Amino acid sequence: MAAVKNIEVIKGPSSSLYGSEAIGGVVNMITAAPTAIPVLKITTQGNNIGYKRGDLLSSVSKGKWGFVLSGYYANKKN
């Protein structure tokens, strides 16, 4: 979930954007756009009860093409 920029939750079929076919509602995950300057972001987290987490986000653009690569790892003992 490193590349998720925003999360929208729309309850019920009242959404004019997604229509009445979305009976229960809609969860829309908006991802990050590629950046003009190359970026590499690594985040780590750990605590004393055995939880470990790592995020990776890389972004590059060349001409009219842009790419975002992201990854996520989490582990908890016991």
N, C-alpha and C. Protein backbone atom coordinates (compact mmCIF):
# COMPACT_ATOMS: atom_id res chain seq x y z
N MET A 1 0.81 -1.19 0.00
CA MET A 1 0.00 0.00 0.00
C MET A 1 0.86 1.26 0.00
N ALA A 2 2.12 1.10 -0.38
CA ALA A 2 3.00 2.25 -0.41
C ALA A 2 2.62 3.23 -1.51
N ALA A 3 2.01 2.75 -2.58
CA ALA A 3 1.67 3.62 -3.71
C ALA A 3 0.28 4.22 -3.60
N VAL A 4 -0.48 3.89 -2.58
CA VAL A 4 -1.83 4.45 -2.43
C VAL A 4 -1.72 5.86 -1.87
N LYS A 5 -2.23 6.81 -2.61
CA LYS A 5 -2.17 8.21 -2.21
C LYS A 5 -3.42 8.63 -1.43
N ASN A 6 -4.56 8.08 -1.81
CA ASN A 6 -5.83 8.48 -1.20
C ASN A 6 -6.82 7.33 -1.31
N ILE A 7 -7.72 7.20 -0.32
CA ILE A 7 -8.77 6.18 -0.34
C ILE A 7 -10.11 6.88 -0.16
N GLU A 8 -11.02 6.64 -1.09
CA GLU A 8 -12.37 7.18 -1.03
C GLU A 8 -13.35 6.06 -0.71
N VAL A 9 -14.25 6.29 0.23
CA VAL A 9 -15.30 5.33 0.56
C VAL A 9 -16.64 6.01 0.32
N ILE A 10 -17.43 5.45 -0.59
CA ILE A 10 -18.76 5.99 -0.90
C ILE A 10 -19.77 4.91 -0.56
N LYS A 11 -20.63 5.19 0.41
CA LYS A 11 -21.60 4.19 0.88
C LYS A 11 -22.89 4.27 0.08
N GLY A 12 -23.40 3.11 -0.25
CA GLY A 12 -24.70 3.02 -0.91
C GLY A 12 -24.67 3.34 -2.39
N PRO A 13 -25.82 3.21 -3.06
CA PRO A 13 -25.90 3.40 -4.51
C PRO A 13 -26.11 4.86 -4.92
N SER A 14 -25.87 5.81 -4.02
CA SER A 14 -26.18 7.21 -4.33
C SER A 14 -25.09 7.93 -5.10
N SER A 15 -24.03 7.24 -5.48
CA SER A 15 -22.92 7.88 -6.18
C SER A 15 -23.28 8.18 -7.63
N SER A 16 -23.17 9.42 -8.04
CA SER A 16 -23.44 9.77 -9.43
C SER A 16 -22.26 9.39 -10.32
N LEU A 17 -21.07 9.28 -9.75
CA LEU A 17 -19.89 8.91 -10.52
C LEU A 17 -19.88 7.43 -10.89
N TYR A 18 -20.26 6.54 -9.95
CA TYR A 18 -20.21 5.10 -10.19
C TYR A 18 -21.58 4.50 -10.50
N GLY A 19 -22.64 5.24 -10.36
CA GLY A 19 -23.97 4.81 -10.76
C GLY A 19 -24.68 3.95 -9.73
N SER A 20 -25.90 3.61 -10.04
CA SER A 20 -26.73 2.85 -9.11
C SER A 20 -26.39 1.37 -9.11
N GLU A 21 -25.49 0.92 -9.97
CA GLU A 21 -25.09 -0.49 -10.01
C GLU A 21 -24.21 -0.86 -8.81
N ALA A 22 -23.62 0.13 -8.18
CA ALA A 22 -22.78 -0.11 -6.99
C ALA A 22 -23.70 -0.11 -5.77
N ILE A 23 -24.41 -1.20 -5.56
CA ILE A 23 -25.47 -1.27 -4.55
C ILE A 23 -24.93 -1.05 -3.14
N GLY A 24 -23.83 -1.73 -2.78
CA GLY A 24 -23.29 -1.61 -1.43
C GLY A 24 -22.41 -0.40 -1.24
N GLY A 25 -21.90 0.15 -2.31
CA GLY A 25 -21.00 1.29 -2.24
C GLY A 25 -19.72 1.01 -3.02
N VAL A 26 -18.78 1.92 -2.89
CA VAL A 26 -17.54 1.82 -3.66
C VAL A 26 -16.36 2.20 -2.77
N VAL A 27 -15.27 1.44 -2.88
CA VAL A 27 -14.00 1.82 -2.26
C VAL A 27 -13.04 2.09 -3.41
N ASN A 28 -12.61 3.33 -3.55
CA ASN A 28 -11.75 3.75 -4.64
C ASN A 28 -10.36 4.06 -4.09
N MET A 29 -9.34 3.31 -4.53
CA MET A 29 -7.96 3.55 -4.10
C MET A 29 -7.24 4.31 -5.20
N ILE A 30 -6.81 5.52 -4.91
CA ILE A 30 -6.12 6.38 -5.86
C ILE A 30 -4.62 6.21 -5.63
N THR A 31 -3.90 5.79 -6.67
CA THR A 31 -2.47 5.53 -6.53
C THR A 31 -1.66 6.78 -6.89
N ALA A 32 -0.40 6.76 -6.48
CA ALA A 32 0.50 7.88 -6.72
C ALA A 32 0.84 7.99 -8.20
N ALA A 33 1.02 9.21 -8.65
CA ALA A 33 1.42 9.46 -10.03
C ALA A 33 2.94 9.46 -10.13
N PRO A 34 3.49 9.10 -11.28
CA PRO A 34 4.95 9.15 -11.45
C PRO A 34 5.48 10.57 -11.28
N THR A 35 6.67 10.70 -10.72
CA THR A 35 7.27 12.01 -10.49
C THR A 35 8.23 12.35 -11.62
N ALA A 36 8.47 13.63 -11.82
CA ALA A 36 9.40 14.08 -12.85
C ALA A 36 10.84 13.77 -12.48
N ILE A 37 11.15 13.82 -11.18
CA ILE A 37 12.49 13.51 -10.68
C ILE A 37 12.48 12.08 -10.16
N PRO A 38 13.47 11.24 -10.52
CA PRO A 38 13.50 9.86 -10.02
C PRO A 38 13.52 9.82 -8.49
N VAL A 39 12.71 8.93 -7.92
CA VAL A 39 12.57 8.82 -6.47
C VAL A 39 12.71 7.36 -6.06
N LEU A 40 13.41 7.12 -4.96
CA LEU A 40 13.46 5.81 -4.32
C LEU A 40 13.23 6.03 -2.84
N LYS A 41 12.15 5.45 -2.33
CA LYS A 41 11.77 5.64 -0.92
C LYS A 41 11.66 4.27 -0.26
N ILE A 42 12.42 4.06 0.81
CA ILE A 42 12.40 2.83 1.57
C ILE A 42 12.03 3.16 3.01
N THR A 43 11.02 2.49 3.54
CA THR A 43 10.57 2.72 4.91
C THR A 43 10.58 1.40 5.65
N THR A 44 11.11 1.39 6.88
CA THR A 44 11.09 0.20 7.72
C THR A 44 10.48 0.53 9.06
N GLN A 45 9.88 -0.47 9.68
CA GLN A 45 9.25 -0.30 10.98
C GLN A 45 9.37 -1.60 11.75
N GLY A 46 9.57 -1.51 13.04
CA GLY A 46 9.62 -2.68 13.90
C GLY A 46 9.26 -2.29 15.32
N ASN A 47 8.85 -3.27 16.11
CA ASN A 47 8.55 -2.98 17.52
C ASN A 47 8.97 -4.15 18.38
N ASN A 48 8.73 -4.04 19.68
CA ASN A 48 9.21 -5.04 20.62
C ASN A 48 8.28 -6.25 20.78
N ILE A 49 7.19 -6.33 20.05
CA ILE A 49 6.32 -7.50 20.11
C ILE A 49 6.43 -8.36 18.85
N GLY A 50 7.48 -8.13 18.05
CA GLY A 50 7.75 -9.00 16.91
C GLY A 50 7.18 -8.57 15.58
N TYR A 51 6.68 -7.34 15.47
CA TYR A 51 6.11 -6.86 14.20
C TYR A 51 7.21 -6.20 13.38
N LYS A 52 7.34 -6.61 12.11
CA LYS A 52 8.29 -6.01 11.19
C LYS A 52 7.55 -5.64 9.91
N ARG A 53 7.92 -4.49 9.36
CA ARG A 53 7.27 -4.02 8.15
C ARG A 53 8.26 -3.24 7.29
N GLY A 54 8.15 -3.38 5.98
CA GLY A 54 8.98 -2.63 5.05
C GLY A 54 8.17 -2.20 3.84
N ASP A 55 8.38 -0.97 3.39
CA ASP A 55 7.74 -0.41 2.20
C ASP A 55 8.81 0.04 1.23
N LEU A 56 8.53 -0.10 -0.06
CA LEU A 56 9.43 0.37 -1.11
C LEU A 56 8.59 1.10 -2.14
N LEU A 57 9.05 2.29 -2.54
CA LEU A 57 8.38 3.06 -3.59
C LEU A 57 9.45 3.65 -4.49
N SER A 58 9.34 3.38 -5.78
CA SER A 58 10.26 3.91 -6.76
C SER A 58 9.46 4.52 -7.90
N SER A 59 9.88 5.69 -8.36
CA SER A 59 9.16 6.38 -9.42
C SER A 59 10.15 7.01 -10.39
N VAL A 60 9.85 6.90 -11.68
CA VAL A 60 10.71 7.48 -12.71
C VAL A 60 9.85 7.86 -13.92
N SER A 61 10.25 8.92 -14.61
CA SER A 61 9.57 9.36 -15.83
C SER A 61 10.60 9.60 -16.91
N LYS A 62 10.24 9.24 -18.13
CA LYS A 62 11.09 9.46 -19.29
C LYS A 62 10.19 9.85 -20.45
N GLY A 63 10.26 11.12 -20.84
CA GLY A 63 9.39 11.60 -21.91
C GLY A 63 7.94 11.61 -21.45
N LYS A 64 7.07 10.99 -22.25
CA LYS A 64 5.67 10.94 -21.84
C LYS A 64 5.32 9.66 -21.09
N TRP A 65 6.32 8.81 -20.78
CA TRP A 65 6.10 7.58 -20.05
C TRP A 65 6.54 7.75 -18.59
N GLY A 66 5.76 7.22 -17.68
CA GLY A 66 6.12 7.27 -16.27
C GLY A 66 5.74 5.96 -15.60
N PHE A 67 6.56 5.55 -14.63
CA PHE A 67 6.33 4.28 -13.94
C PHE A 67 6.47 4.47 -12.44
N VAL A 68 5.61 3.78 -11.69
CA VAL A 68 5.70 3.72 -10.23
C VAL A 68 5.73 2.25 -9.86
N LEU A 69 6.74 1.86 -9.09
CA LEU A 69 6.88 0.50 -8.60
C LEU A 69 6.85 0.56 -7.08
N SER A 70 5.99 -0.26 -6.49
CA SER A 70 5.91 -0.25 -5.02
C SER A 70 5.77 -1.67 -4.50
N GLY A 71 6.18 -1.85 -3.27
CA GLY A 71 6.08 -3.15 -2.62
C GLY A 71 5.91 -2.99 -1.13
N TYR A 72 5.42 -4.03 -0.50
CA TYR A 72 5.09 -3.99 0.93
C TYR A 72 5.35 -5.36 1.52
N TYR A 73 5.99 -5.41 2.69
CA TYR A 73 6.23 -6.66 3.38
C TYR A 73 5.92 -6.45 4.85
N ALA A 74 5.19 -7.38 5.46
CA ALA A 74 4.89 -7.32 6.89
C ALA A 74 4.95 -8.73 7.46
N ASN A 75 5.44 -8.84 8.70
CA ASN A 75 5.56 -10.12 9.37
C ASN A 75 5.42 -9.90 10.87
N LYS A 76 4.73 -10.82 11.54
CA LYS A 76 4.57 -10.75 12.99
C LYS A 76 4.74 -12.15 13.55
N LYS A 77 5.60 -12.27 14.54
CA LYS A 77 5.80 -13.55 15.19
C LYS A 77 4.76 -13.71 16.30
N ASN A 78 4.32 -14.97 16.48
CA ASN A 78 3.30 -15.32 17.47
C ASN A 78 2.00 -14.64 17.14
